[in-house]
């Protein structure tokens, strides 16, 4: 339904040939959604941090939290929609976060951006602490 909201806190994998996830409403992802060969098609909004991996010759689009993307070793991460940083962690050197949405840092959280890492674009709502090492 248009305007509907799907919250994914578990794991959804659409990684078989021809698999595709489509939605007319918002998808808020705090778990992991994987789709093969193309990004999620939506008429509304996907709230997640997305990074790409490959299996053989196939590109897998991984949608998750910012911390989970960093923990997975992603170097190029794209944020869309509004995501909440709910745990303290460091974005390591060499990682670029392209923010096409809004990153909200909870009041009890410290997000550190290491020297050589970056957050580019979008909005960052700092209710807690944001540290840039240099």
C-alpha atoms as a PDB file:
ATOM      1  CA  UNK A   1       0.000   0.000   0.000  1.00  0.00           C
ATOM      2  CA  UNK A   2       1.128   3.540  -0.735  1.00  0.00           C
ATOM      3  CA  UNK A   3       2.076   5.243   2.485  1.00  0.00           C
ATOM      4  CA  UNK A   4       2.540   1.966   4.363  1.00  0.00           C
ATOM      5  CA  UNK A   5       5.645   1.440   6.492  1.00  0.00           C
ATOM      6  CA  UNK A   6       7.604  -1.782   6.657  1.00  0.00           C
ATOM      7  CA  UNK A   7      10.096  -2.109   9.522  1.00  0.00           C
ATOM      8  CA  UNK A   8      12.730  -4.807   8.999  1.00  0.00           C
ATOM      9  CA  UNK A   9      14.655  -5.769  12.131  1.00  0.00           C
ATOM     10  CA  UNK A  10      15.551  -9.272  10.972  1.00  0.00           C
ATOM     11  CA  UNK A  11      17.098 -10.490   7.724  1.00  0.00           C
ATOM     12  CA  UNK A  12      15.505 -10.491   4.268  1.00  0.00           C
ATOM     13  CA  UNK A  13      17.491 -11.922   1.362  1.00  0.00           C
ATOM     14  CA  UNK A  14      16.454 -11.543  -2.259  1.00  0.00           C
ATOM     15  CA  UNK A  15      19.631 -12.986  -3.749  1.00  0.00           C
ATOM     16  CA  UNK A  16      18.355 -15.649  -6.159  1.00  0.00           C
ATOM     17  CA  UNK A  17      18.342 -14.831  -9.865  1.00  0.00           C
ATOM     18  CA  UNK A  18      15.342 -12.644 -10.654  1.00  0.00           C
ATOM     19  CA  UNK A  19      14.616 -11.774  -7.003  1.00  0.00           C
ATOM     20  CA  UNK A  20      13.448  -8.224  -6.419  1.00  0.00           C
ATOM     21  CA  UNK A  21      12.111  -6.186  -3.504  1.00  0.00           C
ATOM     22  CA  UNK A  22       9.590  -3.469  -4.331  1.00  0.00           C
ATOM     23  CA  UNK A  23       7.522  -1.215  -2.102  1.00  0.00           C
ATOM     24  CA  UNK A  24       5.113   1.681  -2.389  1.00  0.00           C
ATOM     25  CA  UNK A  25       5.688   2.913   1.165  1.00  0.00           C
ATOM     26  CA  UNK A  26       8.585   3.399   3.537  1.00  0.00           C
ATOM     27  CA  UNK A  27      11.030   0.642   4.441  1.00  0.00           C
ATOM     28  CA  UNK A  28      12.893   1.249   7.722  1.00  0.00           C
ATOM     29  CA  UNK A  29      15.762  -1.219   8.078  1.00  0.00           C
ATOM     30  CA  UNK A  30      17.530  -1.959  11.365  1.00  0.00           C
ATOM     31  CA  UNK A  31      18.333  -5.559  10.450  1.00  0.00           C
ATOM     32  CA  UNK A  32      19.707  -6.596   7.045  1.00  0.00           C
ATOM     33  CA  UNK A  33      18.078  -6.601   3.621  1.00  0.00           C
ATOM     34  CA  UNK A  34      20.066  -7.944   0.679  1.00  0.00           C
ATOM     35  CA  UNK A  35      19.061  -7.690  -2.962  1.00  0.00           C
ATOM     36  CA  UNK A  36      20.918  -9.012  -5.983  1.00  0.00           C
ATOM     37  CA  UNK A  37      21.785  -6.942  -9.085  1.00  0.00           C
ATOM     38  CA  UNK A  38      19.671  -3.845  -8.386  1.00  0.00           C
ATOM     39  CA  UNK A  39      18.721  -1.495  -5.596  1.00  0.00           C
ATOM     40  CA  UNK A  40      15.362  -1.795  -3.817  1.00  0.00           C
ATOM     41  CA  UNK A  41      12.633  -0.302  -5.969  1.00  0.00           C
ATOM     42  CA  UNK A  42      10.386   1.932  -3.935  1.00  0.00           C
ATOM     43  CA  UNK A  43       7.907   4.690  -4.642  1.00  0.00           C
ATOM     44  CA  UNK A  44       8.620   6.220  -1.251  1.00  0.00           C
ATOM     45  CA  UNK A  45      11.622   5.966   1.032  1.00  0.00           C
ATOM     46  CA  UNK A  46      14.222   3.485   2.260  1.00  0.00           C
ATOM     47  CA  UNK A  47      15.746   4.369   5.642  1.00  0.00           C
ATOM     48  CA  UNK A  48      19.067   2.525   5.832  1.00  0.00           C
ATOM     49  CA  UNK A  49      22.799   2.558   5.259  1.00  0.00           C
ATOM     50  CA  UNK A  50      23.561   0.778   1.978  1.00  0.00           C
ATOM     51  CA  UNK A  51      26.795  -0.756   0.765  1.00  0.00           C
ATOM     52  CA  UNK A  52      27.637  -3.107  -2.075  1.00  0.00           C
ATOM     53  CA  UNK A  53      29.357  -6.471  -2.076  1.00  0.00           C
ATOM     54  CA  UNK A  54      29.880  -9.018  -4.834  1.00  0.00           C
ATOM     55  CA  UNK A  55      29.258 -12.727  -5.048  1.00  0.00           C
ATOM     56  CA  UNK A  56      30.913 -14.081  -8.172  1.00  0.00           C
ATOM     57  CA  UNK A  57      29.968 -11.531 -10.819  1.00  0.00           C
ATOM     58  CA  UNK A  58      26.769 -10.412  -9.079  1.00  0.00           C
ATOM     59  CA  UNK A  59      26.452  -7.179  -7.116  1.00  0.00           C
ATOM     60  CA  UNK A  60      24.617  -7.511  -3.805  1.00  0.00           C
ATOM     61  CA  UNK A  61      23.043  -4.358  -2.340  1.00  0.00           C
ATOM     62  CA  UNK A  62      23.103  -4.579   1.470  1.00  0.00           C
ATOM     63  CA  UNK A  63      20.773  -2.343   3.517  1.00  0.00           C
ATOM     64  CA  UNK A  64      21.376  -2.122   7.269  1.00  0.00           C
ATOM     65  CA  UNK A  65      22.403   0.234  10.089  1.00  0.00           C
ATOM     66  CA  UNK A  66      25.421   2.506   9.810  1.00  0.00           C
ATOM     67  CA  UNK A  67      27.293   0.552  12.500  1.00  0.00           C
ATOM     68  CA  UNK A  68      26.558  -2.791  10.828  1.00  0.00           C
ATOM     69  CA  UNK A  69      27.809  -1.439   7.476  1.00  0.00           C
ATOM     70  CA  UNK A  70      31.032  -0.245   9.133  1.00  0.00           C
ATOM     71  CA  UNK A  71      31.387  -3.571  11.001  1.00  0.00           C
ATOM     72  CA  UNK A  72      31.010  -5.409   7.668  1.00  0.00           C
ATOM     73  CA  UNK A  73      34.075  -3.565   6.361  1.00  0.00           C
ATOM     74  CA  UNK A  74      32.230  -1.392   3.834  1.00  0.00           C
ATOM     75  CA  UNK A  75      34.328   1.499   2.490  1.00  0.00           C
ATOM     76  CA  UNK A  76      31.587   3.328   0.564  1.00  0.00           C
ATOM     77  CA  UNK A  77      28.285   3.657   2.420  1.00  0.00           C
ATOM     78  CA  UNK A  78      25.205   5.559   1.257  1.00  0.00           C
ATOM     79  CA  UNK A  79      22.629   6.687   3.823  1.00  0.00           C
ATOM     80  CA  UNK A  80      19.044   7.277   2.711  1.00  0.00           C
ATOM     81  CA  UNK A  81      15.980   8.295   4.663  1.00  0.00           C
ATOM     82  CA  UNK A  82      16.394   8.840   8.383  1.00  0.00           C
ATOM     83  CA  UNK A  83      18.625   6.485  10.342  1.00  0.00           C
ATOM     84  CA  UNK A  84      19.367   6.488  14.068  1.00  0.00           C
ATOM     85  CA  UNK A  85      22.823   5.792  15.484  1.00  0.00           C
ATOM     86  CA  UNK A  86      22.022   3.948  18.697  1.00  0.00           C
ATOM     87  CA  UNK A  87      25.491   2.629  19.635  1.00  0.00           C
ATOM     88  CA  UNK A  88      28.844   4.372  20.056  1.00  0.00           C
ATOM     89  CA  UNK A  89      31.418   3.466  17.404  1.00  0.00           C
ATOM     90  CA  UNK A  90      34.080   4.872  15.079  1.00  0.00           C
ATOM     91  CA  UNK A  91      33.855   5.302  11.328  1.00  0.00           C
ATOM     92  CA  UNK A  92      37.391   4.168  10.412  1.00  0.00           C
ATOM     93  CA  UNK A  93      39.983   5.730   8.125  1.00  0.00           C
ATOM     94  CA  UNK A  94      39.192   5.163   4.454  1.00  0.00           C
ATOM     95  CA  UNK A  95      35.411   4.992   4.877  1.00  0.00           C
ATOM     96  CA  UNK A  96      33.168   7.491   3.093  1.00  0.00           C
ATOM     97  CA  UNK A  97      29.557   7.937   4.198  1.00  0.00           C
ATOM     98  CA  UNK A  98      27.489   9.650   1.509  1.00  0.00           C
ATOM     99  CA  UNK A  99      24.549  11.038   3.451  1.00  0.00           C
ATOM    100  CA  UNK A 100      21.494  11.492   1.224  1.00  0.00           C
ATOM    101  CA  UNK A 101      19.170  11.641   4.216  1.00  0.00           C
ATOM    102  CA  UNK A 102      19.405  12.329   7.923  1.00  0.00           C
ATOM    103  CA  UNK A 103      21.649  10.685  10.505  1.00  0.00           C
ATOM    104  CA  UNK A 104      20.367  11.065  14.078  1.00  0.00           C
ATOM    105  CA  UNK A 105      22.910  10.465  16.858  1.00  0.00           C
ATOM    106  CA  UNK A 106      21.084   9.489  20.070  1.00  0.00           C
ATOM    107  CA  UNK A 107      21.798  11.458  23.262  1.00  0.00           C
ATOM    108  CA  UNK A 108      23.711   8.590  24.902  1.00  0.00           C
ATOM    109  CA  UNK A 109      25.924   7.886  21.867  1.00  0.00           C
ATOM    110  CA  UNK A 110      29.368   9.036  20.706  1.00  0.00           C
ATOM    111  CA  UNK A 111      29.994   8.781  16.951  1.00  0.00           C
ATOM    112  CA  UNK A 112      33.648   9.285  16.071  1.00  0.00           C
ATOM    113  CA  UNK A 113      34.850   9.947  12.517  1.00  0.00           C
ATOM    114  CA  UNK A 114      38.509   8.909  12.266  1.00  0.00           C
ATOM    115  CA  UNK A 115      41.040  11.014  10.416  1.00  0.00           C
ATOM    116  CA  UNK A 116      40.766  10.028   6.758  1.00  0.00           C
ATOM    117  CA  UNK A 117      37.081   9.063   7.028  1.00  0.00           C
ATOM    118  CA  UNK A 118      34.212  11.347   6.043  1.00  0.00           C
ATOM    119  CA  UNK A 119      30.495  12.049   6.164  1.00  0.00           C
ATOM    120  CA  UNK A 120      29.434  13.982   3.064  1.00  0.00           C
ATOM    121  CA  UNK A 121      26.123  15.766   2.513  1.00  0.00           C
ATOM    122  CA  UNK A 122      22.722  15.421   4.131  1.00  0.00           C
ATOM    123  CA  UNK A 123      21.787  16.339   7.689  1.00  0.00           C
ATOM    124  CA  UNK A 124      23.289  15.110  10.939  1.00  0.00           C
ATOM    125  CA  UNK A 125      21.135  15.662  14.035  1.00  0.00           C
ATOM    126  CA  UNK A 126      23.528  15.452  16.989  1.00  0.00           C
ATOM    127  CA  UNK A 127      21.680  14.786  20.221  1.00  0.00           C
ATOM    128  CA  UNK A 128      24.748  13.001  21.660  1.00  0.00           C
ATOM    129  CA  UNK A 129      28.361  13.569  20.625  1.00  0.00           C
ATOM    130  CA  UNK A 130      30.008  13.742  17.193  1.00  0.00           C
ATOM    131  CA  UNK A 131      33.835  13.722  17.171  1.00  0.00           C
ATOM    132  CA  UNK A 132      36.079  14.320  14.152  1.00  0.00           C
ATOM    133  CA  UNK A 133      39.637  13.094  14.743  1.00  0.00           C
ATOM    134  CA  UNK A 134      42.407  15.060  13.082  1.00  0.00           C
END
